Structures are given as structure tokens and as C-alpha cells.
Amino acid sequence: MEGTLNVVGYGLAAIGPGIGVALIFAAWITATARQPESAGITRPMLFMGFALVEVLALFGLVLAFVLPV
């Protein structure tokens, strides 16, 4: 079995952004279902939250390759 501990660490760290993205989209779907006319107003906030959570996942991926173990 080959690989480093960084790979395992990133695998565990990817769980957080996955849950974060699910919560963000679930909240937006709930808000849109309650008030459909607010979908256009809340959509930019949806994408901003999604982008911030995904950036954290990408930082974890970069650190997994940069930091030696």
C-alpha cells in the first residue's frame, strides 16, 4: 500500500465542504420553496457561499500536495 498521510487527511477534509455545499443548497431550496419571488435575490448569495466552501476544499487539496509528511 503506497501513498502518504496527506491523501488520507485530504479525504477526511473533503467531507466538510461536501456537507457545507449540501447545507447551502438545502437552505436555498427551502427559502425558494417558501417564497418563490425571492429566488432572484438569494441566488447570488447561494453562489457566493458555494464558491467560498469550494475554495476551502481546493486549499485542502493544494496543501495535501505541498506539505511533506
N, C-alpha and C. Protein backbone atom coordinates (compact mmCIF):
# COMPACT_ATOMS: atom_id res chain seq x y z
N MET A 1 0.85 -1.16 0.00
CA MET A 1 0.00 0.00 0.00
C MET A 1 0.90 1.23 0.00
N GLU A 2 0.68 2.09 -0.98
CA GLU A 2 1.51 3.27 -1.09
C GLU A 2 0.68 4.53 -0.95
N GLY A 3 1.34 5.62 -0.69
CA GLY A 3 0.66 6.90 -0.51
C GLY A 3 1.14 7.53 0.78
N THR A 4 0.68 8.70 1.01
CA THR A 4 1.09 9.40 2.22
C THR A 4 -0.12 9.68 3.09
N LEU A 5 0.18 10.16 4.24
CA LEU A 5 -0.88 10.54 5.17
C LEU A 5 -1.63 11.76 4.68
N ASN A 6 -1.01 12.54 3.78
CA ASN A 6 -1.69 13.71 3.21
C ASN A 6 -2.94 13.31 2.46
N VAL A 7 -2.90 12.19 1.76
CA VAL A 7 -4.05 11.73 0.99
C VAL A 7 -5.21 11.39 1.92
N VAL A 8 -4.91 10.72 3.00
CA VAL A 8 -5.95 10.39 3.97
C VAL A 8 -6.50 11.66 4.61
N GLY A 9 -5.61 12.59 4.93
CA GLY A 9 -6.03 13.85 5.53
C GLY A 9 -6.94 14.64 4.61
N TYR A 10 -6.59 14.69 3.32
CA TYR A 10 -7.45 15.41 2.38
C TYR A 10 -8.78 14.70 2.19
N GLY A 11 -8.77 13.40 2.19
CA GLY A 11 -10.02 12.65 2.08
C GLY A 11 -10.96 12.98 3.23
N LEU A 12 -10.41 13.06 4.42
CA LEU A 12 -11.23 13.44 5.58
C LEU A 12 -11.63 14.91 5.53
N ALA A 13 -10.74 15.76 5.02
CA ALA A 13 -11.04 17.18 4.95
C ALA A 13 -12.08 17.49 3.87
N ALA A 14 -12.24 16.63 2.89
CA ALA A 14 -13.22 16.86 1.84
C ALA A 14 -14.65 16.60 2.32
N ILE A 15 -14.80 15.97 3.45
CA ILE A 15 -16.14 15.71 3.99
C ILE A 15 -16.79 17.03 4.41
N GLY A 16 -16.03 17.92 5.00
CA GLY A 16 -16.56 19.20 5.47
C GLY A 16 -17.16 20.04 4.35
N PRO A 17 -16.42 20.31 3.27
CA PRO A 17 -17.01 21.07 2.17
C PRO A 17 -18.19 20.35 1.51
N GLY A 18 -18.17 19.04 1.49
CA GLY A 18 -19.31 18.31 0.93
C GLY A 18 -20.57 18.56 1.74
N ILE A 19 -20.44 18.51 3.05
CA ILE A 19 -21.59 18.79 3.92
C ILE A 19 -21.98 20.26 3.82
N GLY A 20 -20.99 21.15 3.72
CA GLY A 20 -21.27 22.57 3.61
C GLY A 20 -22.06 22.91 2.35
N VAL A 21 -21.66 22.33 1.22
CA VAL A 21 -22.38 22.56 -0.03
C VAL A 21 -23.80 22.04 0.07
N ALA A 22 -23.97 20.88 0.67
CA ALA A 22 -25.31 20.32 0.82
C ALA A 22 -26.19 21.23 1.68
N LEU A 23 -25.65 21.76 2.76
CA LEU A 23 -26.43 22.65 3.62
C LEU A 23 -26.78 23.97 2.93
N ILE A 24 -25.85 24.49 2.15
CA ILE A 24 -26.10 25.75 1.44
C ILE A 24 -27.23 25.57 0.43
N PHE A 25 -27.15 24.52 -0.38
CA PHE A 25 -28.19 24.30 -1.38
C PHE A 25 -29.52 23.93 -0.74
N ALA A 26 -29.50 23.19 0.36
CA ALA A 26 -30.74 22.84 1.04
C ALA A 26 -31.42 24.09 1.59
N ALA A 27 -30.63 25.00 2.14
CA ALA A 27 -31.19 26.24 2.67
C ALA A 27 -31.77 27.09 1.55
N TRP A 28 -31.10 27.14 0.41
CA TRP A 28 -31.62 27.93 -0.70
C TRP A 28 -32.90 27.33 -1.27
N ILE A 29 -32.94 26.02 -1.38
CA ILE A 29 -34.15 25.37 -1.89
C ILE A 29 -35.32 25.61 -0.93
N THR A 30 -35.06 25.53 0.36
CA THR A 30 -36.11 25.79 1.34
C THR A 30 -36.59 27.24 1.26
N ALA A 31 -35.67 28.17 1.16
CA ALA A 31 -36.05 29.59 1.06
C ALA A 31 -36.84 29.85 -0.21
N THR A 32 -36.44 29.25 -1.31
CA THR A 32 -37.14 29.45 -2.57
C THR A 32 -38.52 28.79 -2.55
N ALA A 33 -38.64 27.66 -1.89
CA ALA A 33 -39.94 27.00 -1.80
C ALA A 33 -40.91 27.81 -0.95
N ARG A 34 -40.39 28.49 0.07
CA ARG A 34 -41.27 29.29 0.92
C ARG A 34 -41.68 30.60 0.24
N GLN A 35 -40.73 31.23 -0.45
CA GLN A 35 -41.02 32.48 -1.16
C GLN A 35 -40.38 32.43 -2.54
N PRO A 36 -41.10 31.93 -3.53
CA PRO A 36 -40.52 31.79 -4.87
C PRO A 36 -40.06 33.12 -5.49
N GLU A 37 -40.68 34.22 -5.12
CA GLU A 37 -40.28 35.50 -5.72
C GLU A 37 -38.93 35.98 -5.21
N SER A 38 -38.41 35.38 -4.16
CA SER A 38 -37.10 35.79 -3.64
C SER A 38 -35.94 35.01 -4.25
N ALA A 39 -36.23 34.14 -5.20
CA ALA A 39 -35.17 33.30 -5.78
C ALA A 39 -34.09 34.14 -6.47
N GLY A 40 -34.50 35.18 -7.18
CA GLY A 40 -33.53 36.03 -7.86
C GLY A 40 -32.65 36.81 -6.91
N ILE A 41 -33.19 37.14 -5.75
CA ILE A 41 -32.43 37.91 -4.76
C ILE A 41 -31.44 37.02 -4.02
N THR A 42 -31.85 35.80 -3.73
CA THR A 42 -30.99 34.92 -2.93
C THR A 42 -30.01 34.09 -3.76
N ARG A 43 -30.19 34.05 -5.08
CA ARG A 43 -29.30 33.25 -5.93
C ARG A 43 -27.84 33.72 -5.86
N PRO A 44 -27.55 35.03 -5.91
CA PRO A 44 -26.14 35.44 -5.78
C PRO A 44 -25.51 35.01 -4.46
N MET A 45 -26.30 35.04 -3.39
CA MET A 45 -25.77 34.60 -2.10
C MET A 45 -25.50 33.09 -2.11
N LEU A 46 -26.33 32.35 -2.84
CA LEU A 46 -26.11 30.91 -2.99
C LEU A 46 -24.77 30.64 -3.64
N PHE A 47 -24.51 31.31 -4.75
CA PHE A 47 -23.26 31.06 -5.47
C PHE A 47 -22.05 31.57 -4.71
N MET A 48 -22.19 32.64 -3.96
CA MET A 48 -21.07 33.14 -3.16
C MET A 48 -20.73 32.15 -2.04
N GLY A 49 -21.74 31.64 -1.37
CA GLY A 49 -21.49 30.63 -0.33
C GLY A 49 -20.89 29.37 -0.90
N PHE A 50 -21.40 28.94 -2.05
CA PHE A 50 -20.87 27.75 -2.71
C PHE A 50 -19.40 27.95 -3.08
N ALA A 51 -19.07 29.11 -3.63
CA ALA A 51 -17.69 29.39 -4.02
C ALA A 51 -16.76 29.40 -2.81
N LEU A 52 -17.19 30.00 -1.71
CA LEU A 52 -16.34 30.05 -0.52
C LEU A 52 -16.08 28.66 0.06
N VAL A 53 -17.10 27.83 0.06
CA VAL A 53 -16.91 26.47 0.59
C VAL A 53 -16.00 25.66 -0.32
N GLU A 54 -16.16 25.81 -1.62
CA GLU A 54 -15.32 25.06 -2.56
C GLU A 54 -13.87 25.54 -2.53
N VAL A 55 -13.65 26.82 -2.26
CA VAL A 55 -12.28 27.32 -2.15
C VAL A 55 -11.57 26.66 -0.97
N LEU A 56 -12.30 26.44 0.11
CA LEU A 56 -11.70 25.75 1.25
C LEU A 56 -11.29 24.33 0.88
N ALA A 57 -12.10 23.67 0.07
CA ALA A 57 -11.75 22.32 -0.38
C ALA A 57 -10.51 22.36 -1.28
N LEU A 58 -10.43 23.37 -2.14
CA LEU A 58 -9.26 23.48 -3.02
C LEU A 58 -7.99 23.81 -2.24
N PHE A 59 -8.11 24.63 -1.20
CA PHE A 59 -6.95 24.90 -0.35
C PHE A 59 -6.46 23.61 0.30
N GLY A 60 -7.39 22.77 0.74
CA GLY A 60 -7.00 21.49 1.33
C GLY A 60 -6.29 20.61 0.32
N LEU A 61 -6.76 20.61 -0.91
CA LEU A 61 -6.12 19.81 -1.96
C LEU A 61 -4.71 20.30 -2.24
N VAL A 62 -4.55 21.61 -2.33
CA VAL A 62 -3.22 22.18 -2.57
C VAL A 62 -2.28 21.85 -1.42
N LEU A 63 -2.76 22.01 -0.20
CA LEU A 63 -1.91 21.72 0.96
C LEU A 63 -1.55 20.24 1.05
N ALA A 64 -2.43 19.38 0.57
CA ALA A 64 -2.13 17.95 0.60
C ALA A 64 -0.93 17.63 -0.28
N PHE A 65 -0.75 18.38 -1.37
CA PHE A 65 0.37 18.12 -2.27
C PHE A 65 1.62 18.91 -1.90
N VAL A 66 1.44 20.05 -1.23
CA VAL A 66 2.57 20.92 -0.93
C VAL A 66 3.30 20.49 0.33
N LEU A 67 2.56 20.17 1.38
CA LEU A 67 3.18 19.85 2.66
C LEU A 67 3.73 18.42 2.67
N PRO A 68 4.98 18.28 3.01
CA PRO A 68 5.54 16.92 3.11
C PRO A 68 5.18 16.28 4.45
N VAL A 69 5.14 14.98 4.44
CA VAL A 69 4.87 14.24 5.70
C VAL A 69 6.10 13.45 6.06
